[in-house]
């Protein structure tokens, strides 16, 4: 898989059929990796929010006593 920064500006129509397939495959792989990265970040943020909520709840519980 080619690193994304090595891909130059090209006219898609002027590529050979094989090159077109390769490019599509590379772009699909990059998209998949980006989606995975976004998912990881989302999970992290969700966990953080959950932790903060638990802290708040604990503080409220101790304040009531």
Foldseek 3Di string as FASTA:
>chain_A
DDDPVVDDDDDLVPDDPVVNVVVVVVVVVVVVVVVVVVVVVVVVVVVVVVVVVVVVVVVVVVVVD
